[in-house]
Protein backbone atom coordinates (compact mmCIF):
# COMPACT_ATOMS: atom_id res chain seq x y z
CA MET A 1 0.15 -0.11 -0.14
CA SER A 2 1.46 3.67 -0.96
CA LYS A 3 1.67 6.08 1.45
CA LYS A 4 -0.60 8.77 1.84
CA HIS A 5 1.12 12.54 1.69
CA THR A 6 -0.82 15.48 2.00
CA TYR A 7 0.47 19.00 1.61
CA LYS A 8 1.39 19.02 5.15
CA SER A 9 3.75 16.31 4.81
CA SER A 10 5.53 17.25 2.29
CA GLY A 11 6.44 20.81 4.29
CA VAL A 12 3.62 22.95 3.80
CA ASP A 13 1.44 23.75 7.02
CA VAL A 14 -1.22 26.18 5.45
CA GLU A 15 -3.14 26.42 9.12
CA ALA A 16 0.18 27.39 10.20
CA GLY A 17 0.06 30.36 7.59
CA ASN A 18 -3.45 31.18 8.57
CA LYS A 19 -2.49 31.31 12.20
CA PHE A 20 0.71 33.80 11.54
CA VAL A 21 -1.54 35.77 9.51
CA SER A 22 -3.67 36.39 12.59
CA SER A 23 -1.03 36.86 14.80
CA ILE A 24 0.44 39.85 12.65
CA GLY A 25 -3.19 41.62 12.51
CA LYS A 26 -2.20 44.24 15.38
CA LEU A 27 1.16 44.66 14.28
CA VAL A 28 0.29 45.67 10.61
CA LYS A 29 -2.79 47.99 11.54
CA GLU A 30 -0.71 49.45 13.90
CA THR A 31 1.18 51.57 10.57
CA HIS A 32 -2.03 51.86 8.60
CA ARG A 33 -2.52 55.37 7.56
CA PRO A 34 -6.03 57.12 6.53
CA GLU A 35 -5.61 55.99 3.21
CA VAL A 36 -5.41 52.54 3.88
CA ILE A 37 -9.26 50.82 3.03
CA LYS A 38 -8.50 47.29 3.26
CA SER A 39 -7.26 45.33 6.36
CA ILE A 40 -4.58 42.43 6.21
CA GLY A 41 -5.84 39.26 4.59
CA GLY A 42 -7.44 40.51 1.17
CA PHE A 43 -5.33 39.98 -2.40
CA GLY A 44 -4.11 42.95 -2.59
CA GLY A 45 -3.35 45.92 -0.41
CA LEU A 46 -5.63 49.16 -1.07
CA PHE A 47 -4.33 52.51 -0.59
CA GLN A 48 -6.44 55.48 -1.45
CA PRO A 49 -3.63 58.24 -1.80
CA ASP A 50 -4.96 61.41 -0.93
CA PHE A 51 -2.65 64.26 -3.17
CA THR A 52 -3.84 67.38 -2.11
CA GLY A 53 -1.67 70.39 -2.40
CA ILE A 54 0.80 67.99 -4.87
CA LYS A 55 0.30 69.44 -8.32
CA GLU A 56 2.09 66.84 -10.38
CA PRO A 57 2.27 63.51 -8.52
CA VAL A 58 5.03 61.17 -9.02
CA LEU A 59 5.23 57.67 -7.59
CA VAL A 60 8.70 56.84 -6.74
CA SER A 61 9.07 53.03 -5.77
CA SER A 62 12.04 50.67 -4.86
CA VAL A 63 12.82 46.99 -4.14
CA ASP A 64 15.57 45.55 -1.70
CA GLY A 65 16.73 42.53 0.51
CA VAL A 66 18.76 42.91 3.45
CA GLY A 67 21.72 40.33 2.16
CA THR A 68 23.98 38.69 3.94
CA LYS A 69 23.33 40.36 7.17
CA LEU A 70 20.36 37.88 7.64
CA ILE A 71 23.16 35.31 8.34
CA VAL A 72 24.25 37.03 11.57
CA ALA A 73 20.60 37.08 12.48
CA PHE A 74 20.55 33.32 12.14
CA LYS A 75 23.92 33.13 14.33
CA THR A 76 22.46 35.26 17.02
CA GLY A 77 18.96 34.24 17.00
CA ILE A 78 17.70 38.28 17.15
CA TYR A 79 15.35 38.43 14.27
CA ASP A 80 13.31 41.91 14.69
CA THR A 81 15.85 44.31 13.40
CA VAL A 82 16.47 42.85 10.48
CA GLY A 83 12.82 43.54 9.03
CA GLN A 84 13.36 47.80 10.17
CA ASP A 85 16.76 47.32 8.45
CA LEU A 86 14.72 46.15 5.01
CA VAL A 87 12.16 49.25 5.95
CA ASN A 88 14.72 52.00 6.12
CA HIS A 89 16.97 50.94 3.15
CA CYS A 90 13.75 50.99 1.10
CA VAL A 91 12.69 54.45 2.57
CA ASN A 92 16.22 56.06 2.14
CA ASP A 93 16.13 54.93 -1.65
CA ILE A 94 13.40 56.93 -2.81
CA ALA A 95 13.70 59.86 -0.01
CA VAL A 96 16.94 60.73 -1.80
CA CYS A 97 14.56 61.54 -4.69
CA GLY A 98 12.63 63.99 -2.44
CA ALA A 99 9.78 61.36 -2.03
CA GLU A 100 7.38 60.71 1.22
CA PRO A 101 6.88 56.71 1.42
CA LEU A 102 3.37 55.94 1.68
CA PHE A 103 3.02 52.31 1.82
CA PHE A 104 5.56 49.18 2.16
CA LEU A 105 5.14 45.16 0.99
CA ASP A 106 7.36 42.71 2.47
CA TYR A 107 8.45 38.99 0.89
CA PHE A 108 9.09 36.67 3.37
CA SER A 109 10.19 32.99 2.23
CA THR A 110 11.47 30.05 4.42
CA GLY A 111 11.37 26.03 4.47
CA LYS A 112 9.55 25.54 7.54
CA LEU A 113 7.71 28.56 9.16
CA GLU A 114 9.01 29.62 12.51
CA GLN A 115 5.86 31.58 14.14
CA ARG A 116 8.32 33.59 16.48
CA ILE A 117 11.25 34.41 14.08
CA ALA A 118 8.79 35.62 11.58
CA TYR A 119 6.43 37.57 13.81
CA ASP A 120 9.71 39.04 15.06
CA VAL A 121 10.67 39.81 11.53
CA VAL A 122 7.16 41.40 11.19
CA LYS A 123 7.61 43.42 14.43
CA GLY A 124 10.63 45.24 12.81
CA PHE A 125 8.76 46.01 9.70
CA SER A 126 6.05 47.29 12.05
CA ILE A 127 8.49 49.69 13.95
CA ALA A 128 10.25 50.95 11.00
CA CYS A 129 7.03 51.86 9.20
CA ARG A 130 5.70 53.90 11.97
CA GLU A 131 8.50 55.52 12.17
CA ASN A 132 8.98 56.49 8.69
CA ASN A 133 4.90 57.19 8.83
CA CYS A 134 4.77 54.39 6.14
CA ALA A 135 1.58 51.88 6.17
CA LEU A 136 2.38 47.93 5.80
CA ILE A 137 -0.41 47.54 3.58
CA GLY A 138 0.65 43.79 2.32
CA GLY A 139 3.01 40.98 2.26
CA GLU A 140 3.56 36.89 1.08
CA THR A 141 4.85 34.38 3.56
CA ALA A 142 6.13 31.63 1.50
CA GLU A 143 6.68 28.31 2.94
CA MET A 144 9.16 26.35 0.63
CA PRO A 145 10.83 22.82 2.11
CA ASP A 146 13.69 21.97 0.66
CA LEU A 147 14.69 25.44 -0.70
CA TYR A 148 16.13 26.70 2.77
CA LYS A 149 18.34 25.02 5.47
CA GLU A 150 16.56 24.88 8.61
CA GLY A 151 16.11 27.95 10.42
CA GLU A 152 16.69 30.20 7.54
CA PHE A 153 14.56 32.30 5.68
CA ASP A 154 15.14 35.53 3.50
CA LEU A 155 13.30 38.72 2.70
CA ALA A 156 12.42 41.39 0.59
CA GLY A 157 10.57 44.45 0.04
CA THR A 158 9.24 47.28 -1.95
CA VAL A 159 8.32 50.78 -0.77
CA VAL A 160 6.05 53.22 -3.19
CA GLY A 161 6.00 56.74 -2.06
CA VAL A 162 5.29 60.19 -3.73
CA VAL A 163 6.82 63.52 -4.73
CA ASP A 164 5.73 66.28 -6.36
CA ARG A 165 7.01 66.82 -10.21
CA ASP A 166 8.74 70.13 -9.84
CA GLN A 167 10.56 69.26 -6.20
CA ILE A 168 12.36 65.91 -7.82
CA VAL A 169 15.50 66.12 -6.30
CA ASP A 170 17.75 64.58 -9.02
CA GLY A 171 21.12 65.85 -9.41
CA SER A 172 21.01 67.78 -12.47
CA SER A 173 21.82 70.91 -11.39
CA ILE A 174 25.39 69.86 -9.85
CA SER A 175 28.10 71.97 -10.89
CA GLU A 176 31.92 72.04 -10.27
CA GLY A 177 32.70 73.59 -7.03
CA ASP A 178 29.85 72.06 -5.42
CA ILE A 179 30.49 70.74 -2.11
CA ILE A 180 29.77 66.86 -0.63
CA LEU A 181 28.40 66.96 2.67
CA GLY A 182 28.52 63.36 4.71
CA VAL A 183 25.67 62.32 7.17
CA THR A 184 27.37 59.84 9.58
CA GLY A 185 25.94 56.09 9.85
CA ASN A 186 26.47 53.57 12.54
CA GLY A 187 27.92 51.19 10.80
CA LEU A 188 27.00 48.80 7.97
CA HIS A 189 23.97 49.18 7.40
CA THR A 190 23.04 46.42 5.04
CA ASN A 191 25.91 46.31 2.39
CA GLY A 192 29.72 44.65 2.73
CA TYR A 193 28.29 41.56 4.69
CA SER A 194 30.19 39.02 2.68
CA LEU A 195 33.63 40.53 3.04
CA ALA A 196 33.06 41.72 6.88
CA ARG A 197 31.45 37.88 8.11
CA LYS A 198 34.49 36.29 6.22
CA ILE A 199 36.88 38.44 8.15
CA LEU A 200 35.75 38.98 11.28
CA PHE A 201 34.50 35.47 12.02
CA SER A 202 37.85 34.03 10.91
CA LYS A 203 39.35 35.35 14.22
CA TYR A 204 36.50 36.38 16.57
CA GLU A 205 33.16 34.93 18.19
CA LEU A 206 29.90 36.85 18.34
CA ASN A 207 30.05 37.64 21.87
CA ASP A 208 33.59 39.04 21.48
CA ARG A 209 33.92 42.92 22.23
CA ILE A 210 36.21 44.55 19.39
CA GLY A 211 37.16 47.86 19.03
CA GLU A 212 36.26 50.92 21.48
CA SER A 213 32.53 50.86 21.71
CA GLY A 214 32.28 48.14 23.99
CA LYS A 215 29.82 45.94 21.71
CA ASN A 216 30.33 42.54 20.57
CA VAL A 217 30.66 41.56 17.31
CA GLY A 218 27.30 40.41 17.19
CA GLU A 219 25.54 43.84 18.23
CA LEU A 220 27.96 45.56 15.75
CA LEU A 221 26.93 43.64 12.91
CA LEU A 222 23.22 44.10 13.69
CA GLN A 223 22.89 47.43 14.07
CA ILE A 224 19.84 49.00 12.20
CA HIS A 225 20.40 50.61 9.35
CA PRO A 226 19.08 54.06 9.76
CA SER A 227 16.62 56.16 8.30
CA TYR A 228 17.48 59.49 6.68
CA LEU A 229 14.24 60.73 6.03
CA SER A 230 13.72 63.19 8.71
CA VAL A 231 17.40 64.54 7.59
CA ILE A 232 16.25 64.92 4.01
CA ARG A 233 12.88 66.19 4.96
CA SER A 234 13.99 68.86 6.56
CA ILE A 235 16.96 70.39 3.93
CA LYS A 236 15.60 69.21 0.64
CA LYS A 237 13.66 72.35 -0.34
CA ILE A 238 16.70 74.33 0.92
CA SER A 239 18.09 76.76 -2.02
CA GLY A 240 21.59 75.43 -2.85
CA VAL A 241 20.68 71.96 -1.90
CA LYS A 242 21.30 69.98 -5.05
CA GLY A 243 21.47 66.37 -4.62
CA PHE A 244 21.32 63.11 -2.25
CA ALA A 245 22.99 59.72 -2.56
CA HIS A 246 22.48 56.70 -0.28
CA ILE A 247 25.12 55.16 0.26
CA THR A 248 24.90 51.29 -0.16
CA GLY A 249 26.28 48.89 -2.17
CA GLY A 250 29.20 50.43 -3.86
CA GLY A 251 30.35 52.53 -1.34
CA LEU A 252 30.62 56.39 -1.25
CA GLU A 253 31.98 57.01 -4.68
CA GLY A 254 30.18 54.50 -6.61
CA ASN A 255 26.80 55.74 -5.43
CA THR A 256 27.12 59.18 -5.07
CA ARG A 257 28.34 59.12 -8.55
CA ARG A 258 24.85 57.89 -9.65
CA ILE A 259 23.67 61.49 -9.16
CA LEU A 260 26.42 63.25 -10.88
CA PRO A 261 25.56 65.28 -14.47
CA ASP A 262 27.87 63.85 -17.34
CA GLY A 263 31.31 65.45 -17.35
CA ARG A 264 31.39 66.05 -13.37
CA SER A 265 33.89 64.30 -11.09
CA LEU A 266 34.21 63.58 -7.24
CA GLN A 267 37.11 64.41 -5.29
CA PHE A 268 36.66 63.02 -1.65
CA ASP A 269 39.12 63.95 1.35
CA TRP A 270 39.29 60.25 3.14
CA ASN A 271 40.52 61.67 6.07
CA SER A 272 37.66 63.99 6.83
CA TRP A 273 36.00 61.85 9.21
CA ASP A 274 37.10 58.77 11.45
CA TRP A 275 35.75 55.66 10.82
CA PRO A 276 33.97 53.68 13.16
CA ASP A 277 35.44 50.91 14.93
CA ILE A 278 34.12 47.88 13.13
CA PHE A 279 35.53 49.27 9.72
CA GLU A 280 39.07 49.56 11.26
CA VAL A 281 39.04 46.00 13.07
CA ILE A 282 37.93 44.78 9.52
CA ARG A 283 40.81 46.30 7.78
CA THR A 284 43.20 46.05 10.01
CA VAL A 285 42.18 41.80 10.60
CA GLY A 286 41.55 40.97 7.13
CA ASP A 287 44.17 43.10 5.68
CA VAL A 288 41.81 44.77 2.83
CA PRO A 289 43.03 47.71 0.93
CA ASP A 290 41.63 50.86 1.15
CA GLU A 291 40.45 50.58 -2.59
CA ASP A 292 38.19 47.62 -1.37
CA MET A 293 37.28 49.04 2.09
CA ARG A 294 36.24 52.09 0.07
CA GLN A 295 33.74 49.65 -2.31
CA ALA A 296 32.30 47.31 -0.33
CA PHE A 297 31.39 49.62 2.66
CA ASN A 298 29.95 53.17 3.68
CA LEU A 299 33.12 53.67 5.90
CA GLY A 300 30.72 55.56 8.27
CA ILE A 301 28.82 57.58 5.80
CA GLY A 302 25.59 56.86 5.30
CA LEU A 303 24.20 59.67 2.80
CA THR A 304 26.28 62.15 0.56
CA ILE A 305 24.13 65.80 0.00
CA ILE A 306 25.71 67.63 -2.49
CA VAL A 307 25.14 71.70 -2.09
CA SER A 308 26.05 74.86 -3.28
CA PRO A 309 29.35 76.35 -1.59
CA ASP A 310 27.14 79.29 0.04
CA ILE A 311 25.01 77.18 2.35
CA LYS A 312 27.46 74.36 3.52
CA SER A 313 27.89 75.98 6.68
CA GLU A 314 24.35 76.67 7.45
CA ILE A 315 23.19 72.57 6.88
CA ILE A 316 26.47 71.92 8.78
CA LYS A 317 25.52 73.86 12.06
CA ASN A 318 21.63 73.93 11.85
CA TYR A 319 20.78 70.04 10.78
CA SER A 320 23.25 67.99 12.33
CA THR A 321 21.50 66.25 15.27
CA GLU A 322 22.14 63.84 18.13
CA SER A 323 21.77 61.07 16.28
CA PHE A 324 23.81 62.34 12.97
CA SER A 325 26.61 64.53 12.43
CA ILE A 326 26.91 66.17 9.20
CA LEU A 327 30.15 66.72 7.79
CA GLU A 328 32.26 68.33 4.66
CA ILE A 329 34.20 64.97 2.86
CA GLY A 330 34.70 66.49 -0.69
CA ARG A 331 34.15 68.58 -3.52
CA VAL A 332 32.54 68.18 -7.09
CA GLY A 333 35.05 68.64 -10.07
């Protein structure tokens, strides 16, 4: 007699998926704005935007993942930070265009759905969505046995925002002599983890404390990718602010170059700021060439702002905060 097979015996537990959706209902609703007109559980998230006061609304979107930073989460068993990483990374990507986020959607895929882990991830989404005034209006939870090792999962997310067409910040007015300002970060954010893990885990354990911060390796690697929305929102309409770049994979030069007009170049003063401890440790332990450090990591600068020389002092003095310092780090050639 042949063995009886069910969907559950093949590794997919529909009932567990339904239970999970019910468990996150409160977290999701806490992120909702008045424009959300459909609660969790439908086939699509419904959002009726209010474009009052916007002459020519332009929707701006971005999609991204967390990358191999997830492996650190697997090692530590801490899962509520990577969801915040993903939301903040996506929000930064559209904020540098001048956009305000409207809503976010996530994709969570795993071999076997572990309720606590998945809940913590969505908790992270919820925290960051509330902080960015961005509604979490939908997502996909996929259980795919045999594709992931036990305890592993992957994440992706999409954010949609809006900007008035004449308020788009695209760097088109950048000219020779403009100043490059850097807004400080708190660590690797969500880039360079393949190199960082290879080096750090060859010498250290998760609980080993490194550098002068007093934090251990796990804590340093899981520091939350910050949202720069508040900084950008404060200064994007100031005359003389010409462009923003979110520093992700490709480093300072690679990302800032993306907003430069043809014929312009970047001249960074690489000694104008101090690297956070973790980058110095990575460079020393791994004997990493400066070129690779600059390409793989943000080196402590999470956002660049290109401004006219006559407003640089105003921006540095008036818009540095307890969370972020703004420094002059170069100029446009």
